[in-house]
Amino acid sequence: LTGSFNFLQTGGSGLSAQARGREDRRETGSILARGLILGGLFGLVMIALQSLIAIGGLALFEASAEPEAMAAKYIAIRIWGAQAELLLYSLFGWFAGQELTRNLFIIQVATASLNVCLNFLFALALGWGLEGVALGTAIASYAGLTLGLIQARRRQQAVAPPTPTG
């Protein structure tokens, strides 16, 4: 479902690149802020509408009661990671426009690595099964978001508009 919000990444990339090309430091920061606000708001809407999203998603597939119940549990946990994923789309677009694709790579590798480790820990070692996979993925998304926000802040501090003196 979050993939349908990919415009946060593609739109942010183009706008960020244009601001960078104009050397408009203030607009560069504004583009990031607007993308994060949109991603955050869309994520909150998804959380608020989680029951409808689950009902609609499950209605698309025919399954017996047991797989449907498992899918509903997975969705109920994973929806809490949707906001982090949408915020990451905004960050990814912004980083791409700033020509900082290395940051994208670092975030994606760190997030995927943590996801694998948490899924193994929760699902297999602790025996939480599908719920453990959903929880591990949601936690990894927020960890990736935290890393991305740290990197974005460093970038913004490096290119911040000069402050007026006296």
N, C-alpha and C. Protein backbone atom coordinates (compact mmCIF):
# COMPACT_ATOMS: atom_id res chain seq x y z
N LEU A 1 0.82 -1.19 0.00
CA LEU A 1 0.00 0.00 0.00
C LEU A 1 0.86 1.26 0.00
N THR A 2 1.96 1.25 0.75
CA THR A 2 2.78 2.46 0.81
C THR A 2 3.41 2.78 -0.54
N GLY A 3 3.58 1.78 -1.37
CA GLY A 3 4.16 2.01 -2.70
C GLY A 3 3.35 2.97 -3.55
N SER A 4 2.06 3.08 -3.29
CA SER A 4 1.24 4.01 -4.06
C SER A 4 1.54 5.47 -3.69
N PHE A 5 2.35 5.68 -2.68
CA PHE A 5 2.76 7.03 -2.28
C PHE A 5 4.18 7.35 -2.76
N ASN A 6 4.64 6.63 -3.75
CA ASN A 6 5.99 6.82 -4.27
C ASN A 6 6.20 8.23 -4.83
N PHE A 7 5.12 8.94 -5.12
CA PHE A 7 5.25 10.32 -5.61
C PHE A 7 5.97 11.20 -4.60
N LEU A 8 5.96 10.82 -3.32
CA LEU A 8 6.71 11.57 -2.33
C LEU A 8 8.20 11.54 -2.65
N GLN A 9 8.64 10.41 -3.18
CA GLN A 9 10.05 10.26 -3.54
C GLN A 9 10.34 10.93 -4.88
N THR A 10 9.58 10.62 -5.89
CA THR A 10 9.89 11.14 -7.22
C THR A 10 9.67 12.64 -7.31
N GLY A 11 8.60 13.14 -6.72
CA GLY A 11 8.36 14.57 -6.74
C GLY A 11 9.40 15.33 -5.93
N GLY A 12 9.72 14.81 -4.77
CA GLY A 12 10.73 15.45 -3.93
C GLY A 12 12.10 15.47 -4.57
N SER A 13 12.40 14.44 -5.33
CA SER A 13 13.69 14.37 -6.00
C SER A 13 13.86 15.51 -7.01
N GLY A 14 12.84 15.69 -7.84
CA GLY A 14 12.92 16.74 -8.86
C GLY A 14 12.97 18.13 -8.25
N LEU A 15 12.12 18.38 -7.27
CA LEU A 15 12.10 19.69 -6.63
C LEU A 15 13.39 19.98 -5.87
N SER A 16 13.91 18.97 -5.21
CA SER A 16 15.16 19.11 -4.48
C SER A 16 16.32 19.39 -5.43
N ALA A 17 16.34 18.72 -6.56
CA ALA A 17 17.40 18.94 -7.55
C ALA A 17 17.33 20.35 -8.12
N GLN A 18 16.12 20.83 -8.38
CA GLN A 18 15.97 22.19 -8.90
C GLN A 18 16.47 23.22 -7.90
N ALA A 19 16.11 23.06 -6.64
CA ALA A 19 16.55 24.00 -5.61
C ALA A 19 18.07 23.94 -5.45
N ARG A 20 18.61 22.75 -5.53
CA ARG A 20 20.07 22.60 -5.43
C ARG A 20 20.74 23.28 -6.61
N GLY A 21 20.20 23.09 -7.81
CA GLY A 21 20.76 23.72 -9.01
C GLY A 21 20.74 25.24 -8.94
N ARG A 22 19.72 25.80 -8.33
CA ARG A 22 19.61 27.26 -8.15
C ARG A 22 20.42 27.74 -6.95
N GLU A 23 20.98 26.78 -6.20
CA GLU A 23 21.70 27.07 -4.96
C GLU A 23 20.81 27.83 -3.97
N ASP A 24 19.55 27.45 -3.97
CA ASP A 24 18.57 28.05 -3.08
C ASP A 24 18.51 27.21 -1.80
N ARG A 25 19.33 27.56 -0.86
CA ARG A 25 19.47 26.77 0.36
C ARG A 25 18.19 26.76 1.18
N ARG A 26 17.52 27.88 1.23
CA ARG A 26 16.28 27.96 2.01
C ARG A 26 15.22 27.05 1.41
N GLU A 27 15.07 27.08 0.09
CA GLU A 27 14.07 26.24 -0.57
C GLU A 27 14.43 24.76 -0.44
N THR A 28 15.71 24.45 -0.44
CA THR A 28 16.14 23.07 -0.26
C THR A 28 15.59 22.52 1.06
N GLY A 29 15.72 23.30 2.12
CA GLY A 29 15.19 22.88 3.41
C GLY A 29 13.67 22.84 3.43
N SER A 30 13.04 23.78 2.74
CA SER A 30 11.57 23.82 2.70
C SER A 30 11.02 22.61 1.97
N ILE A 31 11.68 22.18 0.93
CA ILE A 31 11.23 21.00 0.18
C ILE A 31 11.28 19.76 1.08
N LEU A 32 12.35 19.64 1.82
CA LEU A 32 12.45 18.51 2.75
C LEU A 32 11.34 18.57 3.79
N ALA A 33 11.14 19.75 4.36
CA ALA A 33 10.11 19.90 5.39
C ALA A 33 8.72 19.57 4.84
N ARG A 34 8.41 20.07 3.65
CA ARG A 34 7.08 19.78 3.07
C ARG A 34 6.91 18.30 2.80
N GLY A 35 7.93 17.65 2.30
CA GLY A 35 7.85 16.21 2.04
C GLY A 35 7.63 15.42 3.32
N LEU A 36 8.34 15.82 4.37
CA LEU A 36 8.18 15.12 5.65
C LEU A 36 6.80 15.37 6.25
N ILE A 37 6.29 16.57 6.11
CA ILE A 37 4.94 16.86 6.61
C ILE A 37 3.91 16.03 5.86
N LEU A 38 4.02 15.99 4.53
CA LEU A 38 3.07 15.19 3.74
C LEU A 38 3.17 13.71 4.09
N GLY A 39 4.38 13.19 4.14
CA GLY A 39 4.56 11.77 4.48
C GLY A 39 4.00 11.47 5.86
N GLY A 40 4.26 12.36 6.81
CA GLY A 40 3.74 12.16 8.16
C GLY A 40 2.22 12.18 8.21
N LEU A 41 1.63 13.14 7.50
CA LEU A 41 0.17 13.23 7.48
C LEU A 41 -0.47 12.02 6.81
N PHE A 42 0.08 11.61 5.67
CA PHE A 42 -0.46 10.42 4.99
C PHE A 42 -0.33 9.19 5.89
N GLY A 43 0.78 9.09 6.61
CA GLY A 43 0.97 7.97 7.52
C GLY A 43 -0.05 7.97 8.65
N LEU A 44 -0.33 9.15 9.19
CA LEU A 44 -1.35 9.25 10.23
C LEU A 44 -2.73 8.86 9.71
N VAL A 45 -3.04 9.27 8.49
CA VAL A 45 -4.32 8.90 7.88
C VAL A 45 -4.41 7.38 7.73
N MET A 46 -3.30 6.76 7.30
CA MET A 46 -3.31 5.30 7.14
C MET A 46 -3.54 4.61 8.49
N ILE A 47 -2.91 5.13 9.53
CA ILE A 47 -3.11 4.54 10.86
C ILE A 47 -4.56 4.73 11.31
N ALA A 48 -5.10 5.92 11.07
CA ALA A 48 -6.49 6.19 11.47
C ALA A 48 -7.48 5.32 10.71
N LEU A 49 -7.15 5.00 9.46
CA LEU A 49 -8.06 4.21 8.62
C LEU A 49 -7.65 2.74 8.54
N GLN A 50 -6.86 2.28 9.49
CA GLN A 50 -6.31 0.93 9.39
C GLN A 50 -7.37 -0.15 9.29
N SER A 51 -8.48 0.02 9.96
CA SER A 51 -9.54 -1.01 9.88
C SER A 51 -10.09 -1.09 8.47
N LEU A 52 -10.35 0.05 7.86
CA LEU A 52 -10.86 0.06 6.48
C LEU A 52 -9.83 -0.47 5.50
N ILE A 53 -8.58 -0.12 5.72
CA ILE A 53 -7.50 -0.61 4.85
C ILE A 53 -7.41 -2.13 4.94
N ALA A 54 -7.48 -2.67 6.14
CA ALA A 54 -7.42 -4.12 6.33
C ALA A 54 -8.61 -4.80 5.67
N ILE A 55 -9.79 -4.26 5.88
CA ILE A 55 -11.00 -4.86 5.29
C ILE A 55 -10.90 -4.83 3.77
N GLY A 56 -10.52 -3.68 3.23
CA GLY A 56 -10.40 -3.55 1.78
C GLY A 56 -9.33 -4.46 1.20
N GLY A 57 -8.19 -4.52 1.87
CA GLY A 57 -7.10 -5.37 1.39
C GLY A 57 -7.45 -6.84 1.43
N LEU A 58 -8.06 -7.25 2.50
CA LEU A 58 -8.43 -8.67 2.63
C LEU A 58 -9.55 -9.05 1.68
N ALA A 59 -10.39 -8.09 1.32
CA ALA A 59 -11.49 -8.36 0.39
C ALA A 59 -10.99 -8.64 -1.02
N LEU A 60 -9.78 -8.19 -1.32
CA LEU A 60 -9.22 -8.39 -2.66
C LEU A 60 -8.79 -9.84 -2.90
N PHE A 61 -8.58 -10.59 -1.84
CA PHE A 61 -8.08 -11.95 -1.97
C PHE A 61 -9.05 -12.94 -1.34
N GLU A 62 -9.12 -14.08 -1.98
CA GLU A 62 -9.93 -15.15 -1.43
C GLU A 62 -9.01 -16.07 -0.63
N ALA A 63 -9.34 -16.24 0.62
CA ALA A 63 -8.53 -17.12 1.46
C ALA A 63 -9.44 -17.75 2.50
N SER A 64 -8.96 -18.87 3.01
CA SER A 64 -9.71 -19.51 4.08
C SER A 64 -9.53 -18.68 5.36
N ALA A 65 -10.22 -19.06 6.39
CA ALA A 65 -10.25 -18.28 7.63
C ALA A 65 -8.87 -18.12 8.27
N GLU A 66 -8.09 -19.19 8.29
CA GLU A 66 -6.80 -19.12 8.98
C GLU A 66 -5.82 -18.16 8.30
N PRO A 67 -5.58 -18.27 6.98
CA PRO A 67 -4.67 -17.30 6.34
C PRO A 67 -5.20 -15.87 6.42
N GLU A 68 -6.52 -15.72 6.34
CA GLU A 68 -7.09 -14.38 6.44
C GLU A 68 -6.86 -13.79 7.83
N ALA A 69 -6.99 -14.60 8.86
CA ALA A 69 -6.74 -14.13 10.22
C ALA A 69 -5.27 -13.77 10.40
N MET A 70 -4.39 -14.56 9.82
CA MET A 70 -2.95 -14.27 9.90
C MET A 70 -2.63 -12.96 9.17
N ALA A 71 -3.21 -12.78 8.00
CA ALA A 71 -2.99 -11.55 7.24
C ALA A 71 -3.51 -10.34 8.01
N ALA A 72 -4.65 -10.48 8.65
CA ALA A 72 -5.21 -9.38 9.43
C ALA A 72 -4.29 -9.00 10.59
N LYS A 73 -3.70 -9.99 11.25
CA LYS A 73 -2.75 -9.72 12.33
C LYS A 73 -1.51 -9.01 11.79
N TYR A 74 -1.03 -9.48 10.66
CA TYR A 74 0.15 -8.86 10.04
C TYR A 74 -0.13 -7.40 9.70
N ILE A 75 -1.25 -7.14 9.07
CA ILE A 75 -1.62 -5.77 8.69
C ILE A 75 -1.77 -4.89 9.93
N ALA A 76 -2.38 -5.42 10.97
CA ALA A 76 -2.60 -4.64 12.19
C ALA A 76 -1.30 -4.17 12.82
N ILE A 77 -0.24 -4.95 12.67
CA ILE A 77 1.06 -4.55 13.21
C ILE A 77 1.83 -3.70 12.21
N ARG A 78 1.86 -4.13 10.97
CA ARG A 78 2.66 -3.44 9.93
C ARG A 78 2.18 -2.02 9.65
N ILE A 79 0.89 -1.76 9.83
CA ILE A 79 0.36 -0.43 9.52
C ILE A 79 1.06 0.63 10.37
N TRP A 80 1.54 0.25 11.53
CA TRP A 80 2.23 1.20 12.40
C TRP A 80 3.60 1.60 11.85
N GLY A 81 4.14 0.84 10.92
CA GLY A 81 5.40 1.21 10.27
C GLY A 81 5.19 2.00 9.00
N ALA A 82 3.94 2.15 8.56
CA ALA A 82 3.66 2.85 7.31
C ALA A 82 4.13 4.30 7.35
N GLN A 83 3.94 4.96 8.46
CA GLN A 83 4.35 6.36 8.54
C GLN A 83 5.86 6.48 8.34
N ALA A 84 6.64 5.61 8.94
CA ALA A 84 8.09 5.65 8.76
C ALA A 84 8.46 5.43 7.30
N GLU A 85 7.78 4.50 6.64
CA GLU A 85 8.08 4.24 5.24
C GLU A 85 7.76 5.44 4.36
N LEU A 86 6.65 6.11 4.62
CA LEU A 86 6.29 7.28 3.83
C LEU A 86 7.26 8.43 4.08
N LEU A 87 7.68 8.59 5.30
CA LEU A 87 8.68 9.62 5.61
C LEU A 87 10.01 9.28 4.92
N LEU A 88 10.34 8.01 4.87
CA LEU A 88 11.56 7.60 4.16
C LEU A 88 11.46 7.90 2.67
N TYR A 89 10.29 7.73 2.06
CA TYR A 89 10.13 8.10 0.65
C TYR A 89 10.50 9.56 0.44
N SER A 90 10.02 10.42 1.33
CA SER A 90 10.32 11.84 1.22
C SER A 90 11.82 12.08 1.37
N LEU A 91 12.43 11.43 2.33
CA LEU A 91 13.87 11.58 2.52
C LEU A 91 14.66 11.07 1.32
N PHE A 92 14.26 9.92 0.79
CA PHE A 92 14.96 9.36 -0.36
C PHE A 92 14.92 10.29 -1.55
N GLY A 93 13.75 10.86 -1.81
CA GLY A 93 13.64 11.80 -2.92
C GLY A 93 14.52 13.01 -2.71
N TRP A 94 14.52 13.53 -1.51
CA TRP A 94 15.32 14.70 -1.19
C TRP A 94 16.81 14.40 -1.34
N PHE A 95 17.24 13.25 -0.80
CA PHE A 95 18.65 12.87 -0.93
C PHE A 95 19.04 12.70 -2.40
N ALA A 96 18.18 12.09 -3.19
CA ALA A 96 18.49 11.90 -4.61
C ALA A 96 18.65 13.24 -5.30
N GLY A 97 17.76 14.18 -5.01
CA GLY A 97 17.87 15.50 -5.61
C GLY A 97 19.09 16.27 -5.17
N GLN A 98 19.58 15.96 -3.98
CA GLN A 98 20.79 16.59 -3.46
C GLN A 98 22.05 15.85 -3.92
N GLU A 99 21.88 14.85 -4.76
CA GLU A 99 22.98 14.01 -5.26
C GLU A 99 23.71 13.30 -4.12
N LEU A 100 22.93 12.84 -3.16
CA LEU A 100 23.47 12.12 -2.01
C LEU A 100 22.97 10.68 -2.01
N THR A 101 23.15 10.01 -3.13
CA THR A 101 22.64 8.65 -3.25
C THR A 101 23.38 7.68 -2.33
N ARG A 102 24.56 8.03 -1.90
CA ARG A 102 25.26 7.18 -0.94
C ARG A 102 24.45 7.10 0.36
N ASN A 103 23.84 8.22 0.75
CA ASN A 103 23.00 8.21 1.94
C ASN A 103 21.84 7.23 1.78
N LEU A 104 21.23 7.22 0.59
CA LEU A 104 20.14 6.27 0.32
C LEU A 104 20.61 4.84 0.52
N PHE A 105 21.77 4.55 -0.02
CA PHE A 105 22.33 3.21 0.07
C PHE A 105 22.57 2.82 1.52
N ILE A 106 23.16 3.72 2.28
CA ILE A 106 23.45 3.44 3.69
C ILE A 106 22.16 3.17 4.46
N ILE A 107 21.15 4.01 4.24
CA ILE A 107 19.87 3.83 4.95
C ILE A 107 19.23 2.50 4.56
N GLN A 108 19.22 2.19 3.27
CA GLN A 108 18.58 0.96 2.82
C GLN A 108 19.30 -0.28 3.32
N VAL A 109 20.63 -0.26 3.29
CA VAL A 109 21.38 -1.42 3.79
C VAL A 109 21.18 -1.59 5.29
N ALA A 110 21.24 -0.48 6.02
CA ALA A 110 21.05 -0.55 7.47
C ALA A 110 19.65 -1.03 7.82
N THR A 111 18.65 -0.49 7.13
CA THR A 111 17.26 -0.88 7.40
C THR A 111 17.03 -2.35 7.06
N ALA A 112 17.50 -2.77 5.90
CA ALA A 112 17.31 -4.17 5.49
C ALA A 112 18.05 -5.13 6.42
N SER A 113 19.25 -4.76 6.82
CA SER A 113 20.03 -5.63 7.72
C SER A 113 19.34 -5.77 9.07
N LEU A 114 18.90 -4.64 9.60
CA LEU A 114 18.19 -4.68 10.88
C LEU A 114 16.89 -5.47 10.74
N ASN A 115 16.20 -5.30 9.64
CA ASN A 115 14.96 -6.03 9.40
C ASN A 115 15.20 -7.54 9.44
N VAL A 116 16.23 -7.99 8.76
CA VAL A 116 16.54 -9.42 8.75
C VAL A 116 16.86 -9.91 10.16
N CYS A 117 17.68 -9.15 10.88
CA CYS A 117 18.06 -9.56 12.23
C CYS A 117 16.85 -9.60 13.17
N LEU A 118 16.03 -8.57 13.11
CA LEU A 118 14.85 -8.53 13.98
C LEU A 118 13.84 -9.61 13.60
N ASN A 119 13.67 -9.84 12.31
CA ASN A 119 12.75 -10.90 11.90
C ASN A 119 13.22 -12.26 12.39
N PHE A 120 14.50 -12.49 12.29
CA PHE A 120 15.05 -13.75 12.80
C PHE A 120 14.83 -13.85 14.31
N LEU A 121 15.16 -12.78 15.02
CA LEU A 121 15.02 -12.78 16.47
C LEU A 121 13.56 -12.98 16.89
N PHE A 122 12.68 -12.14 16.36
CA PHE A 122 11.29 -12.17 16.80
C PHE A 122 10.54 -13.41 16.30
N ALA A 123 10.70 -13.70 15.01
CA ALA A 123 9.90 -14.78 14.42
C ALA A 123 10.42 -16.16 14.79
N LEU A 124 11.73 -16.33 14.71
CA LEU A 124 12.28 -17.66 14.93
C LEU A 124 12.78 -17.87 16.35
N ALA A 125 13.67 -17.00 16.83
CA ALA A 125 14.27 -17.21 18.15
C ALA A 125 13.24 -17.08 19.27
N LEU A 126 12.37 -16.08 19.17
CA LEU A 126 11.36 -15.89 20.21
C LEU A 126 10.04 -16.61 19.90
N GLY A 127 9.92 -17.11 18.67
CA GLY A 127 8.73 -17.87 18.29
C GLY A 127 7.48 -17.04 18.07
N TRP A 128 7.62 -15.78 17.71
CA TRP A 128 6.46 -14.92 17.52
C TRP A 128 5.85 -15.05 16.12
N GLY A 129 6.49 -15.80 15.26
CA GLY A 129 5.94 -16.08 13.94
C GLY A 129 5.69 -14.85 13.10
N LEU A 130 4.57 -14.86 12.41
CA LEU A 130 4.22 -13.77 11.49
C LEU A 130 4.15 -12.42 12.19
N GLU A 131 3.65 -12.41 13.40
CA GLU A 131 3.59 -11.16 14.15
C GLU A 131 4.99 -10.62 14.41
N GLY A 132 5.94 -11.50 14.64
CA GLY A 132 7.33 -11.09 14.84
C GLY A 132 7.93 -10.48 13.58
N VAL A 133 7.57 -11.04 12.42
CA VAL A 133 8.04 -10.49 11.15
C VAL A 133 7.48 -9.08 10.97
N ALA A 134 6.20 -8.92 11.23
CA ALA A 134 5.56 -7.60 11.07
C ALA A 134 6.19 -6.58 12.02
N LEU A 135 6.40 -6.98 13.26
CA LEU A 135 6.98 -6.07 14.25
C LEU A 135 8.42 -5.72 13.89
N GLY A 136 9.19 -6.71 13.49
CA GLY A 136 10.58 -6.46 13.10
C GLY A 136 10.69 -5.50 11.94
N THR A 137 9.80 -5.65 10.97
CA THR A 137 9.81 -4.77 9.80
C THR A 137 9.42 -3.35 10.18
N ALA A 138 8.43 -3.20 11.04
CA ALA A 138 8.00 -1.87 11.48
C ALA A 138 9.12 -1.18 12.26
N ILE A 139 9.75 -1.90 13.16
CA ILE A 139 10.85 -1.32 13.96
C ILE A 139 12.01 -0.93 13.05
N ALA A 140 12.36 -1.79 12.10
CA ALA A 140 13.46 -1.48 11.18
C ALA A 140 13.15 -0.22 10.36
N SER A 141 11.89 -0.04 9.99
CA SER A 141 11.51 1.16 9.24
C SER A 141 11.74 2.42 10.06
N TYR A 142 11.38 2.39 11.32
CA TYR A 142 11.61 3.55 12.18
C TYR A 142 13.10 3.78 12.45
N ALA A 143 13.86 2.71 12.55
CA ALA A 143 15.31 2.87 12.73
C ALA A 143 15.93 3.50 11.48
N GLY A 144 15.49 3.05 10.30
CA GLY A 144 15.97 3.65 9.05
C GLY A 144 15.58 5.11 8.95
N LEU A 145 14.37 5.43 9.39
CA LEU A 145 13.92 6.81 9.39
C LEU A 145 14.80 7.66 10.31
N THR A 146 15.11 7.14 11.48
CA THR A 146 15.97 7.87 12.42
C THR A 146 17.33 8.15 11.79
N LEU A 147 17.91 7.15 11.17
CA LEU A 147 19.19 7.33 10.49
C LEU A 147 19.07 8.37 9.38
N GLY A 148 18.01 8.30 8.60
CA GLY A 148 17.80 9.25 7.51
C GLY A 148 17.64 10.68 8.01
N LEU A 149 16.91 10.86 9.10
CA LEU A 149 16.72 12.20 9.66
C LEU A 149 18.04 12.77 10.18
N ILE A 150 18.86 11.92 10.77
CA ILE A 150 20.18 12.37 11.24
C ILE A 150 21.02 12.82 10.05
N GLN A 151 21.02 12.02 8.98
CA GLN A 151 21.79 12.39 7.79
C GLN A 151 21.25 13.67 7.15
N ALA A 152 19.94 13.82 7.11
CA ALA A 152 19.34 15.03 6.52
C ALA A 152 19.70 16.26 7.34
N ARG A 153 19.68 16.12 8.64
CA ARG A 153 20.04 17.26 9.49
C ARG A 153 21.48 17.66 9.25
N ARG A 154 22.36 16.71 9.15
CA ARG A 154 23.77 17.03 8.88
C ARG A 154 23.91 17.76 7.56
N ARG A 155 23.19 17.30 6.56
CA ARG A 155 23.24 17.95 5.25
C ARG A 155 22.70 19.37 5.34
N GLN A 156 21.59 19.54 6.01
CA GLN A 156 20.99 20.86 6.13
C GLN A 156 21.90 21.83 6.89
N GLN A 157 22.59 21.32 7.91
CA GLN A 157 23.51 22.18 8.64
C GLN A 157 24.69 22.59 7.76
N ALA A 158 25.09 21.69 6.86
CA ALA A 158 26.22 21.98 5.97
C ALA A 158 25.86 23.02 4.91
N VAL A 159 24.59 23.06 4.50
CA VAL A 159 24.20 23.97 3.42
C VAL A 159 23.24 25.06 3.91
N ALA A 160 23.14 25.22 5.22
CA ALA A 160 22.20 26.20 5.77
C ALA A 160 22.50 27.59 5.24
N PRO A 161 21.45 28.36 5.03
CA PRO A 161 21.67 29.73 4.57
C PRO A 161 22.48 30.51 5.61
N PRO A 162 23.32 31.39 5.13
CA PRO A 162 24.09 32.16 6.10
C PRO A 162 23.16 33.01 6.97
N THR A 163 23.49 33.10 8.23
CA THR A 163 22.66 33.89 9.12
C THR A 163 23.07 35.35 9.02
N PRO A 164 22.08 36.24 9.03
CA PRO A 164 22.40 37.67 8.93
C PRO A 164 23.16 38.12 10.16
N THR A 165 24.15 38.96 9.96
CA THR A 165 24.92 39.47 11.08
C THR A 165 24.46 40.87 11.42
N GLY A 166 24.50 41.12 12.70
CA GLY A 166 24.17 42.30 13.34
C GLY A 166 23.43 43.37 12.93
